[in-house]
Amino acid sequence: MKLDQRRSGVLLHITSLPGPYGIGDFGPAAYQYVDWLAAAGQRVWQVLPTTPVGPCDSPYQSVSAFAGSPLMVALEPLIENGWLPAPELSAALFDSKRVDYGRVIPWRTRQLRLAAAGFFARASEAQRSEFELWRQVQAYWLADYSLFMALESAHGGKPFWEWDAPLRSREPTALEAARGQHAGEIAFWDFVQWCFDTQCAALRAYAASRDVAILGDLPIFIAHHSADCWARPDLYYLDENFQPTVVAGVPPDSMGPLGQRWGNPLYRWERMAAENFSWWTARVKRALEQADILRIDHFRGFAGYWEIPASCPTAIEGRWVPAPGKELFAAIALALGELPIVAEDLGLITPDVIELRDGCGFPGMRILQFGFGGDGDHEFLPHSYSRETVAYTGTHDNETVRGWWQNAPAHERHFAETYLNASGEDCHWRMIQAACNSVACMAIFQMQDVLGLDGSHRMNLPGTTIGNWSWRFEWSMVGPEHAQTLGRISAASGRGPFGLIG
């Protein structure tokens, strides 16, 4: 998909959708949300990574760079197919406004196991054939992922470097024996991923029918305990015990004197280059089967990344190391064609990052909230944008607009009042309007900002590990004025059907 069409959209993760089963998924509410976006003149639905959540419930620390989150598999189609009895729910089982992962994950896993048992017992021949064909097509990642999940369960949830030595080291005879011993568990995880893919494809097709593109999210790094790291440890800086020798992060800055030590293993880029970056090409191809556009997180890491010795508890003692961004994206584009990618180019951006972004033809990101921290020449103010830009009121890592307004230093708020002609009552609409009226090719707003919600509805607070990724909305929070106002703003700025002005 080309990114030169002027459009706008909303950032809302799948898990934030309403629904009766504790977390948003690909069920009826997702289709209702597509209808709402279309009615509001929005042509983009941006989501966060749809891979399985990892430590601290983060979608950016997944056990697989290729698998889909089991939590997003809707139960309604499984019930309709006769594989799953309709669950009995008590009123107090789930919170409709927050995801309680500790309660949701085991409950939904039980439902998926019941559905898998129902499928293998009662599926039609056509359904079985469809499943088997899908398994063959996706085997390049699925075989390792499902075996990894089965072995993790067999080892009581321990990380792969604590598994039995032959399995930890992937000795062929041990793997062959494990596939036979755990065939039932492997089939279960295959089934879950088939359900995810089938439902994801159906939702994407429906969105396309309403002229709504899906903007996905691709983290740059993978988690240490992951099927990817276990399957190809040679592609990462690991020692003989499969422990990282260096890890990812970012250096100290004004936001943190110790920097950020993320802990992800770092790529051995020279080994990936020797294989013509085939792992990355497969990863991007897989992601583009699920989304029309991809936002690549921490894009600056493809020009140069902050390498931290694994022995260091903070990011202070790291160093910059160059990365083969030009060669990487050239190889991917050669295999897949023109890449519909948005570069998350926030943070410490140096000339080499700009050169890589512009050389690839990827639009960058600008966060409007950040524009009021300086003067009228700030690059994040809308009058400074270029067309090759995606303008955000804020992302999932930022405050809501209203929360920002309430907590901003007085001089920033006064600047925003003047620039936006806004008050505390309409600041969210004025900021959305400013982003839309900019020359940026795309403008994106958090759903929280469309609804005018305060900071208690924030999705993520970087550097913290509790209470993130859990926000959900309810349809009772959405009034007719939200779609009407958003539609008018988008239409007046050339991003939506002009008829919405009324």
Protein backbone atom coordinates (compact mmCIF):
# COMPACT_ATOMS: atom_id res chain seq x y z
CA MET A 1 0.00 0.00 0.00
CA LYS A 2 1.33 3.42 -0.94
CA LEU A 3 1.54 6.01 1.81
CA ASP A 4 1.05 9.11 -0.33
CA GLN A 5 -2.75 9.23 0.09
CA ARG A 6 -3.84 11.88 2.58
CA ARG A 7 -5.69 10.11 5.38
CA SER A 8 -6.26 9.95 9.14
CA GLY A 9 -6.97 7.24 11.66
CA VAL A 10 -7.14 6.11 15.25
CA LEU A 11 -4.70 4.21 17.44
CA LEU A 12 -6.47 1.53 19.45
CA HIS A 13 -5.03 -1.85 20.31
CA ILE A 14 -7.16 -4.95 19.72
CA THR A 15 -7.03 -5.73 23.45
CA SER A 16 -8.69 -2.38 24.25
CA LEU A 17 -11.91 -3.29 22.45
CA PRO A 18 -15.09 -4.02 24.43
CA GLY A 19 -16.30 -7.58 24.81
CA PRO A 20 -17.55 -10.06 27.40
CA TYR A 21 -14.46 -12.23 27.77
CA GLY A 22 -12.04 -10.01 29.68
CA ILE A 23 -10.00 -8.59 26.78
CA GLY A 24 -10.59 -7.19 23.30
CA ASP A 25 -10.29 -9.69 20.45
CA PHE A 26 -11.24 -10.33 16.81
CA GLY A 27 -14.89 -10.77 17.75
CA PRO A 28 -18.01 -8.71 16.99
CA ALA A 29 -16.71 -5.53 18.68
CA ALA A 30 -13.80 -5.39 16.20
CA TYR A 31 -16.21 -5.29 13.27
CA GLN A 32 -18.35 -2.73 15.05
CA TYR A 33 -15.24 -0.63 15.56
CA VAL A 34 -14.40 -0.77 11.85
CA ASP A 35 -17.92 0.47 11.15
CA TRP A 36 -17.43 3.30 13.66
CA LEU A 37 -14.13 4.30 12.03
CA ALA A 38 -15.74 4.38 8.60
CA ALA A 39 -18.65 6.43 9.91
CA ALA A 40 -16.15 8.89 11.42
CA GLY A 41 -14.32 9.24 8.09
CA GLN A 42 -11.22 7.43 9.32
CA ARG A 43 -9.20 5.36 6.88
CA VAL A 44 -6.58 3.89 9.21
CA TRP A 45 -6.80 1.68 12.27
CA GLN A 46 -3.45 1.49 14.04
CA VAL A 47 -2.85 -1.37 16.46
CA LEU A 48 0.07 -2.41 18.66
CA PRO A 49 2.01 -5.65 18.05
CA THR A 50 -0.37 -8.59 17.72
CA THR A 51 2.22 -11.15 18.81
CA PRO A 52 1.76 -12.96 22.18
CA VAL A 53 2.34 -10.79 25.24
CA GLY A 54 5.49 -11.35 27.29
CA PRO A 55 6.80 -10.26 30.70
CA CYS A 56 4.74 -7.48 32.32
CA ASP A 57 2.02 -8.21 29.73
CA SER A 58 3.97 -6.24 27.12
CA PRO A 59 3.30 -6.85 23.42
CA TYR A 60 6.91 -5.74 22.82
CA GLN A 61 8.47 -8.73 24.64
CA SER A 62 6.91 -11.69 22.85
CA VAL A 63 7.81 -15.38 22.80
CA SER A 64 7.58 -15.22 19.01
CA ALA A 65 8.13 -12.62 16.31
CA PHE A 66 5.82 -14.60 14.00
CA ALA A 67 2.97 -15.98 16.12
CA GLY A 68 -0.31 -14.24 16.89
CA SER A 69 -1.60 -13.59 20.38
CA PRO A 70 -3.92 -16.37 21.63
CA LEU A 71 -5.71 -13.69 23.67
CA MET A 72 -6.99 -12.08 20.45
CA VAL A 73 -8.71 -15.24 19.21
CA ALA A 74 -12.43 -14.54 19.40
CA LEU A 75 -14.54 -17.23 21.04
CA GLU A 76 -17.74 -16.51 19.11
CA PRO A 77 -16.61 -18.24 15.87
CA LEU A 78 -15.47 -21.25 17.89
CA ILE A 79 -18.90 -21.45 19.49
CA GLU A 80 -20.66 -21.01 16.14
CA ASN A 81 -18.62 -23.87 14.66
CA GLY A 82 -19.77 -26.16 17.45
CA TRP A 83 -16.27 -26.66 18.83
CA LEU A 84 -16.76 -24.72 22.08
CA PRO A 85 -19.75 -24.64 24.44
CA ALA A 86 -20.85 -21.09 25.20
CA PRO A 87 -18.98 -20.10 28.39
CA GLU A 88 -20.98 -19.25 31.48
CA LEU A 89 -19.96 -15.85 32.80
CA SER A 90 -20.66 -14.32 36.17
CA ALA A 91 -21.03 -10.56 36.39
CA ALA A 92 -17.92 -10.27 38.56
CA LEU A 93 -15.63 -12.45 36.44
CA PHE A 94 -14.02 -9.70 34.34
CA ASP A 95 -13.52 -5.94 34.52
CA SER A 96 -14.97 -4.26 31.43
CA LYS A 97 -12.59 -1.27 31.76
CA ARG A 98 -9.28 -3.04 32.44
CA VAL A 99 -7.60 -6.27 31.36
CA ASP A 100 -6.70 -8.45 34.35
CA TYR A 101 -4.10 -10.59 32.59
CA GLY A 102 -3.64 -12.83 35.61
CA ARG A 103 -7.27 -13.85 35.37
CA VAL A 104 -7.83 -13.56 31.62
CA ILE A 105 -4.88 -15.66 30.38
CA PRO A 106 -5.69 -18.94 32.22
CA TRP A 107 -9.43 -18.57 31.61
CA ARG A 108 -9.11 -17.98 27.89
CA THR A 109 -6.47 -20.70 27.55
CA ARG A 110 -8.95 -23.18 29.04
CA GLN A 111 -11.57 -22.09 26.50
CA LEU A 112 -9.10 -22.51 23.65
CA ARG A 113 -8.21 -26.00 24.85
CA LEU A 114 -11.88 -26.94 24.93
CA ALA A 115 -12.30 -25.53 21.42
CA ALA A 116 -9.27 -27.45 20.15
CA ALA A 117 -10.66 -30.68 21.57
CA GLY A 118 -13.98 -29.91 19.89
CA PHE A 119 -12.29 -29.20 16.56
CA PHE A 120 -10.25 -32.39 16.50
CA ALA A 121 -13.34 -34.39 17.48
CA ARG A 122 -16.01 -32.75 15.32
CA ALA A 123 -14.47 -30.66 12.52
CA SER A 124 -15.67 -31.32 9.00
CA GLU A 125 -13.36 -32.75 6.37
CA ALA A 126 -13.20 -29.38 4.65
CA GLN A 127 -12.18 -27.69 7.90
CA ARG A 128 -9.52 -30.31 8.57
CA SER A 129 -8.15 -29.92 5.05
CA GLU A 130 -8.01 -26.15 5.43
CA PHE A 131 -6.17 -26.52 8.73
CA GLU A 132 -3.64 -28.99 7.34
CA LEU A 133 -2.94 -26.87 4.28
CA TRP A 134 -2.40 -23.83 6.50
CA ARG A 135 0.02 -25.81 8.69
CA GLN A 136 2.10 -26.69 5.64
CA VAL A 137 2.23 -23.10 4.39
CA GLN A 138 3.21 -21.68 7.79
CA ALA A 139 5.62 -24.48 8.76
CA TYR A 140 8.66 -22.24 8.29
CA TRP A 141 7.92 -20.60 11.66
CA LEU A 142 5.05 -22.64 13.09
CA ALA A 143 6.95 -25.88 13.64
CA ASP A 144 9.50 -24.29 15.94
CA TYR A 145 6.97 -22.08 17.71
CA SER A 146 4.50 -24.83 18.61
CA LEU A 147 7.27 -27.18 19.72
CA PHE A 148 8.76 -24.35 21.79
CA MET A 149 5.41 -23.77 23.53
CA ALA A 150 4.98 -27.49 24.17
CA LEU A 151 8.48 -27.79 25.65
CA GLU A 152 8.02 -24.69 27.77
CA SER A 153 4.93 -26.31 29.28
CA ALA A 154 6.73 -29.64 29.75
CA HIS A 155 9.51 -27.81 31.64
CA GLY A 156 7.12 -26.00 33.97
CA GLY A 157 7.45 -22.63 32.25
CA LYS A 158 11.22 -22.45 32.60
CA PRO A 159 13.18 -20.46 29.98
CA PHE A 160 14.71 -22.52 27.22
CA TRP A 161 18.28 -22.26 28.55
CA GLU A 162 17.12 -24.23 31.62
CA TRP A 163 15.59 -27.08 29.60
CA ASP A 164 17.13 -30.52 29.29
CA ALA A 165 20.47 -30.13 27.53
CA PRO A 166 19.60 -32.03 24.32
CA LEU A 167 16.46 -29.91 23.84
CA ARG A 168 18.18 -26.69 24.86
CA SER A 169 20.83 -27.36 22.21
CA ARG A 170 18.30 -28.63 19.63
CA GLU A 171 19.89 -32.03 19.06
CA PRO A 172 17.99 -33.51 16.08
CA THR A 173 17.17 -36.85 17.73
CA ALA A 174 15.88 -35.07 20.84
CA LEU A 175 13.69 -32.75 18.76
CA GLU A 176 12.28 -35.67 16.77
CA ALA A 177 11.43 -37.52 19.96
CA ALA A 178 9.85 -34.42 21.47
CA ARG A 179 7.62 -33.91 18.44
CA GLY A 180 6.25 -37.40 18.92
CA GLN A 181 5.95 -37.17 22.69
CA HIS A 182 4.19 -33.79 22.61
CA ALA A 183 2.19 -34.20 19.40
CA GLY A 184 -1.11 -33.37 21.11
CA GLU A 185 0.21 -30.16 22.68
CA ILE A 186 1.83 -29.13 19.39
CA ALA A 187 -1.47 -29.67 17.60
CA PHE A 188 -3.19 -27.44 20.16
CA TRP A 189 -0.83 -24.52 19.53
CA ASP A 190 -1.12 -25.07 15.77
CA PHE A 191 -4.91 -24.87 16.11
CA VAL A 192 -4.75 -21.63 18.11
CA GLN A 193 -2.52 -20.01 15.51
CA TRP A 194 -4.79 -21.17 12.69
CA CYS A 195 -7.73 -19.56 14.47
CA PHE A 196 -5.74 -16.36 14.91
CA ASP A 197 -4.75 -16.21 11.24
CA THR A 198 -8.24 -17.02 9.98
CA GLN A 199 -9.88 -14.40 12.18
CA CYS A 200 -7.22 -11.77 11.53
CA ALA A 201 -7.58 -12.22 7.76
CA ALA A 202 -11.37 -11.96 7.98
CA LEU A 203 -11.19 -8.74 9.99
CA ARG A 204 -8.62 -7.23 7.65
CA ALA A 205 -10.77 -8.08 4.63
CA TYR A 206 -13.79 -6.49 6.29
CA ALA A 207 -11.79 -3.36 7.10
CA ALA A 208 -10.67 -3.16 3.46
CA SER A 209 -14.30 -3.38 2.34
CA ARG A 210 -14.96 -0.25 4.46
CA ASP A 211 -11.83 1.51 3.09
CA VAL A 212 -10.01 1.17 6.42
CA ALA A 213 -6.33 0.15 6.32
CA ILE A 214 -4.71 -1.70 9.21
CA LEU A 215 -1.48 -0.13 10.47
CA GLY A 216 0.48 -2.78 12.36
CA ASP A 217 3.50 -2.50 14.65
CA LEU A 218 6.80 -4.38 14.35
CA PRO A 219 9.21 -4.29 17.32
CA ILE A 220 12.86 -4.13 16.29
CA PHE A 221 14.14 -6.71 18.80
CA ILE A 222 13.00 -10.14 19.96
CA ALA A 223 12.78 -11.47 23.51
CA HIS A 224 15.55 -13.63 24.96
CA HIS A 225 13.14 -16.40 25.94
CA SER A 226 11.52 -16.81 22.54
CA ALA A 227 11.04 -19.41 19.87
CA ASP A 228 13.13 -17.21 17.58
CA CYS A 229 16.15 -17.14 19.87
CA TRP A 230 15.87 -20.86 20.65
CA ALA A 231 15.48 -21.84 16.98
CA ARG A 232 18.41 -19.75 15.69
CA PRO A 233 20.75 -18.87 18.60
CA ASP A 234 23.54 -18.37 16.08
CA LEU A 235 21.88 -15.15 14.91
CA TYR A 236 22.32 -13.47 18.32
CA TYR A 237 25.20 -12.56 20.62
CA LEU A 238 24.85 -15.47 23.04
CA ASP A 239 27.51 -17.38 24.99
CA GLU A 240 27.82 -21.17 25.31
CA ASN A 241 25.06 -21.14 27.94
CA PHE A 242 22.70 -19.21 25.63
CA GLN A 243 23.06 -16.06 27.70
CA PRO A 244 23.44 -12.66 25.97
CA THR A 245 26.88 -11.15 26.03
CA VAL A 246 25.49 -7.75 25.02
CA VAL A 247 21.92 -6.42 25.21
CA ALA A 248 19.77 -3.67 23.75
CA GLY A 249 18.78 -0.33 25.22
CA VAL A 250 19.19 3.41 24.80
CA PRO A 251 21.77 5.77 26.33
CA PRO A 252 21.21 8.25 29.15
CA ASP A 253 19.33 11.41 28.18
CA SER A 254 17.21 14.13 29.72
CA MET A 255 14.47 11.60 30.37
CA GLY A 256 16.69 9.18 32.31
CA PRO A 257 20.22 9.64 33.71
CA LEU A 258 20.85 5.87 33.60
CA GLY A 259 19.41 5.33 30.14
CA GLN A 260 17.21 2.32 29.47
CA ARG A 261 18.48 -1.25 29.62
CA TRP A 262 15.92 -3.29 27.72
CA GLY A 263 17.81 -6.57 27.94
CA ASN A 264 16.93 -7.96 24.50
CA PRO A 265 19.67 -10.00 22.80
CA LEU A 266 21.30 -8.19 19.90
CA TYR A 267 21.50 -9.45 16.33
CA ARG A 268 24.67 -10.73 14.74
CA TRP A 269 24.04 -8.64 11.67
CA GLU A 270 26.97 -10.07 9.74
CA ARG A 271 25.43 -13.56 9.98
CA MET A 272 22.03 -12.27 8.90
CA ALA A 273 23.68 -10.49 5.98
CA ALA A 274 25.40 -13.73 4.95
CA GLU A 275 21.90 -15.23 4.54
CA ASN A 276 20.71 -12.16 2.61
CA PHE A 277 18.61 -11.15 5.62
CA SER A 278 16.19 -14.01 4.97
CA TRP A 279 14.95 -14.05 8.59
CA TRP A 280 13.97 -10.39 8.38
CA THR A 281 12.37 -10.81 4.98
CA ALA A 282 10.25 -13.67 6.32
CA ARG A 283 9.31 -11.62 9.36
CA VAL A 284 8.19 -8.58 7.35
CA LYS A 285 6.35 -10.79 4.86
CA ARG A 286 4.47 -12.44 7.71
CA ALA A 287 3.60 -9.07 9.25
CA LEU A 288 2.30 -7.75 5.93
CA GLU A 289 -0.05 -10.72 5.74
CA GLN A 290 -1.77 -9.27 8.79
CA ALA A 291 -1.56 -5.51 8.15
CA ASP A 292 -1.53 -3.08 5.23
CA ILE A 293 1.12 -0.76 6.68
CA LEU A 294 3.82 -1.40 9.29
CA ARG A 295 5.21 0.94 11.89
CA ILE A 296 8.74 -0.23 12.74
CA ASP A 297 9.60 0.51 16.35
CA HIS A 298 12.98 2.07 17.28
CA PHE A 299 13.89 2.68 13.65
CA ARG A 300 17.10 4.44 14.63
CA GLY A 301 18.44 1.02 15.69
CA PHE A 302 18.73 0.06 12.02
CA ALA A 303 21.26 2.85 11.47
CA GLY A 304 23.09 2.42 14.75
CA TYR A 305 22.14 0.76 18.04
CA TRP A 306 23.19 1.13 21.68
CA GLU A 307 25.12 -1.99 22.70
CA ILE A 308 25.29 -2.60 26.47
CA PRO A 309 27.52 -5.25 28.08
CA ALA A 310 25.20 -7.83 29.62
CA SER A 311 27.11 -7.57 32.89
CA CYS A 312 26.14 -3.90 33.31
CA PRO A 313 22.97 -3.21 35.33
CA THR A 314 22.29 0.11 33.56
CA ALA A 315 22.72 1.52 30.06
CA ILE A 316 25.48 3.93 31.03
CA GLU A 317 28.40 1.81 29.81
CA GLY A 318 26.99 1.13 26.36
CA ARG A 319 28.35 2.22 22.99
CA TRP A 320 26.99 3.01 19.54
CA VAL A 321 27.43 0.27 16.95
CA PRO A 322 26.51 0.71 13.26
CA ALA A 323 23.76 -1.46 11.77
CA PRO A 324 23.26 -2.45 8.10
CA GLY A 325 19.97 -0.62 7.59
CA LYS A 326 20.45 0.22 3.90
CA GLU A 327 21.43 -3.31 2.96
CA LEU A 328 18.67 -4.81 5.11
CA PHE A 329 15.78 -2.82 3.64
CA ALA A 330 17.16 -3.16 0.12
CA ALA A 331 17.14 -6.95 0.50
CA ILE A 332 13.60 -6.97 1.92
CA ALA A 333 12.32 -4.65 -0.83
CA LEU A 334 13.97 -6.78 -3.51
CA ALA A 335 12.08 -9.81 -2.20
CA LEU A 336 8.74 -8.18 -1.34
CA GLY A 337 8.50 -5.04 -3.44
CA GLU A 338 7.81 -1.50 -2.24
CA LEU A 339 7.54 -1.47 1.55
CA PRO A 340 4.61 0.35 3.22
CA ILE A 341 6.61 1.22 6.34
CA VAL A 342 6.38 4.06 8.86
CA ALA A 343 9.65 4.73 10.69
CA GLU A 344 9.40 5.38 14.43
CA ASP A 345 12.18 7.97 14.37
CA LEU A 346 11.77 9.44 17.85
CA GLY A 347 14.49 9.97 20.44
CA LEU A 348 18.12 10.70 19.63
CA ILE A 349 18.04 11.06 15.85
CA THR A 350 21.37 11.57 14.12
CA PRO A 351 22.07 12.36 10.44
CA ASP A 352 22.62 8.69 9.58
CA VAL A 353 19.09 7.86 10.78
CA ILE A 354 17.59 10.63 8.66
CA GLU A 355 19.62 9.48 5.66
CA LEU A 356 18.39 5.90 6.12
CA ARG A 357 14.75 6.94 6.57
CA ASP A 358 14.72 9.27 3.58
CA GLY A 359 16.78 6.91 1.44
CA CYS A 360 14.19 4.19 2.01
CA GLY A 361 11.34 6.63 1.38
CA PHE A 362 9.71 5.92 4.74
CA PRO A 363 7.68 8.64 6.47
CA GLY A 364 8.76 9.47 10.01
CA MET A 365 6.71 10.34 13.09
CA ARG A 366 6.02 13.65 14.86
CA ILE A 367 4.34 13.88 18.27
CA LEU A 368 2.37 17.09 18.64
CA GLN A 369 2.55 17.06 22.44
CA PHE A 370 6.34 17.39 22.21
CA GLY A 371 6.12 20.52 20.06
CA PHE A 372 5.38 22.86 22.94
CA GLY A 373 8.61 22.17 24.81
CA GLY A 374 10.52 24.78 22.82
CA ASP A 375 9.68 27.81 20.72
CA GLY A 376 7.89 28.40 17.43
CA ASP A 377 10.65 26.69 15.45
CA HIS A 378 10.17 23.29 17.10
CA GLU A 379 10.19 20.49 14.53
CA PHE A 380 7.20 18.78 16.14
CA LEU A 381 4.85 21.74 15.58
CA PRO A 382 2.51 21.13 12.62
CA HIS A 383 3.73 24.07 10.54
CA SER A 384 7.19 22.42 10.50
CA TYR A 385 6.06 19.05 9.15
CA SER A 386 6.92 17.67 5.74
CA ARG A 387 4.51 15.61 3.69
CA GLU A 388 6.54 12.48 4.46
CA THR A 389 5.33 12.50 8.06
CA VAL A 390 2.80 10.72 10.24
CA ALA A 391 1.45 13.24 12.74
CA TYR A 392 0.34 12.01 16.17
CA THR A 393 -1.37 13.80 19.00
CA GLY A 394 0.41 11.17 21.11
CA THR A 395 1.25 7.48 20.98
CA HIS A 396 0.61 4.60 23.37
CA ASP A 397 3.74 5.68 25.26
CA ASN A 398 2.44 9.22 25.83
CA GLU A 399 -0.09 10.81 28.11
CA THR A 400 -3.55 11.39 26.72
CA VAL A 401 -3.94 14.95 25.44
CA ARG A 402 -6.12 15.91 28.38
CA GLY A 403 -3.71 14.29 30.81
CA TRP A 404 -0.83 16.13 29.18
CA TRP A 405 -2.72 19.42 29.38
CA GLN A 406 -3.43 18.94 33.08
CA ASN A 407 0.18 18.09 33.93
CA ALA A 408 2.21 20.19 31.47
CA PRO A 409 4.46 23.00 32.76
CA ALA A 410 2.62 26.33 32.71
CA HIS A 411 4.71 27.78 29.87
CA GLU A 412 4.03 24.74 27.64
CA ARG A 413 0.31 24.92 28.32
CA HIS A 414 0.25 28.66 27.61
CA PHE A 415 2.11 28.06 24.35
CA ALA A 416 -0.42 25.37 23.41
CA GLU A 417 -3.33 27.65 24.32
CA THR A 418 -2.05 30.27 21.90
CA TYR A 419 -0.97 27.92 19.12
CA LEU A 420 -4.10 25.76 19.18
CA ASN A 421 -6.58 28.40 20.33
CA ALA A 422 -7.55 25.80 22.90
CA SER A 423 -8.73 25.48 26.47
CA GLY A 424 -8.78 22.60 28.90
CA GLU A 425 -12.25 21.72 27.64
CA ASP A 426 -11.47 21.34 23.95
CA CYS A 427 -7.70 20.76 23.92
CA HIS A 428 -8.08 17.24 22.52
CA TRP A 429 -10.17 18.38 19.55
CA ARG A 430 -7.91 21.34 18.85
CA MET A 431 -4.83 19.11 18.87
CA ILE A 432 -6.54 16.58 16.58
CA GLN A 433 -7.51 19.41 14.27
CA ALA A 434 -3.96 20.78 14.18
CA ALA A 435 -2.57 17.37 13.27
CA CYS A 436 -5.21 16.95 10.56
CA ASN A 437 -4.62 20.40 9.10
CA SER A 438 -0.88 19.77 8.77
CA VAL A 439 0.68 18.74 5.48
CA ALA A 440 1.58 15.30 6.93
CA CYS A 441 0.48 12.38 4.75
CA MET A 442 -1.18 10.70 7.71
CA ALA A 443 -2.60 11.88 11.05
CA ILE A 444 -3.23 9.42 13.90
CA PHE A 445 -4.90 9.98 17.27
CA GLN A 446 -5.31 7.73 20.28
CA MET A 447 -8.90 6.64 20.88
CA GLN A 448 -8.49 8.12 24.36
CA ASP A 449 -7.94 11.53 22.75
CA VAL A 450 -10.97 11.23 20.50
CA LEU A 451 -12.98 10.53 23.65
CA GLY A 452 -11.29 13.36 25.57
CA LEU A 453 -10.13 11.11 28.42
CA ASP A 454 -7.67 12.07 31.14
CA GLY A 455 -4.39 10.45 32.12
CA SER A 456 -6.01 7.66 34.12
CA HIS A 457 -6.78 6.08 30.73
CA ARG A 458 -3.16 6.02 29.60
CA MET A 459 -2.04 2.81 27.83
CA ASN A 460 1.63 2.65 28.85
CA LEU A 461 4.09 4.53 31.04
CA PRO A 462 7.62 3.70 29.82
CA GLY A 463 10.02 2.59 32.52
CA THR A 464 7.26 1.06 34.66
CA THR A 465 6.14 -2.56 34.83
CA ILE A 466 2.75 -2.50 36.56
CA GLY A 467 -0.65 -1.46 35.26
CA ASN A 468 0.28 -1.04 31.61
CA TRP A 469 -1.37 -2.41 28.44
CA SER A 470 -4.68 -2.95 30.25
CA TRP A 471 -6.92 -0.04 29.18
CA ARG A 472 -10.26 -0.80 27.53
CA PHE A 473 -13.15 1.36 26.44
CA GLU A 474 -16.89 0.67 26.59
CA TRP A 475 -19.39 1.64 23.91
CA SER A 476 -21.27 3.65 26.53
CA MET A 477 -18.31 6.05 26.49
CA VAL A 478 -18.80 6.78 22.78
CA GLY A 479 -21.47 9.28 21.83
CA PRO A 480 -22.65 10.36 18.36
CA GLU A 481 -20.70 13.61 18.72
CA HIS A 482 -17.37 11.79 18.69
CA ALA A 483 -17.78 10.35 15.19
CA GLN A 484 -19.47 13.52 13.94
CA THR A 485 -16.77 15.89 15.15
CA LEU A 486 -13.91 13.63 14.07
CA GLY A 487 -15.53 13.17 10.66
CA ARG A 488 -15.92 16.91 10.13
CA ILE A 489 -12.33 17.65 11.12
CA SER A 490 -11.01 14.93 8.84
CA ALA A 491 -13.22 15.97 5.93
CA ALA A 492 -12.32 19.65 6.22
CA SER A 493 -8.62 18.78 6.10
CA GLY A 494 -8.96 16.56 3.03
CA ARG A 495 -8.55 13.29 4.93
CA GLY A 496 -12.15 12.05 4.89
CA PRO A 497 -15.28 12.19 2.71
CA PHE A 498 -16.26 15.84 2.30
CA GLY A 499 -19.92 14.95 2.78
CA LEU A 500 -19.26 14.41 6.50
CA ILE A 501 -19.08 18.18 6.99
CA GLY A 502 -22.86 18.25 6.68
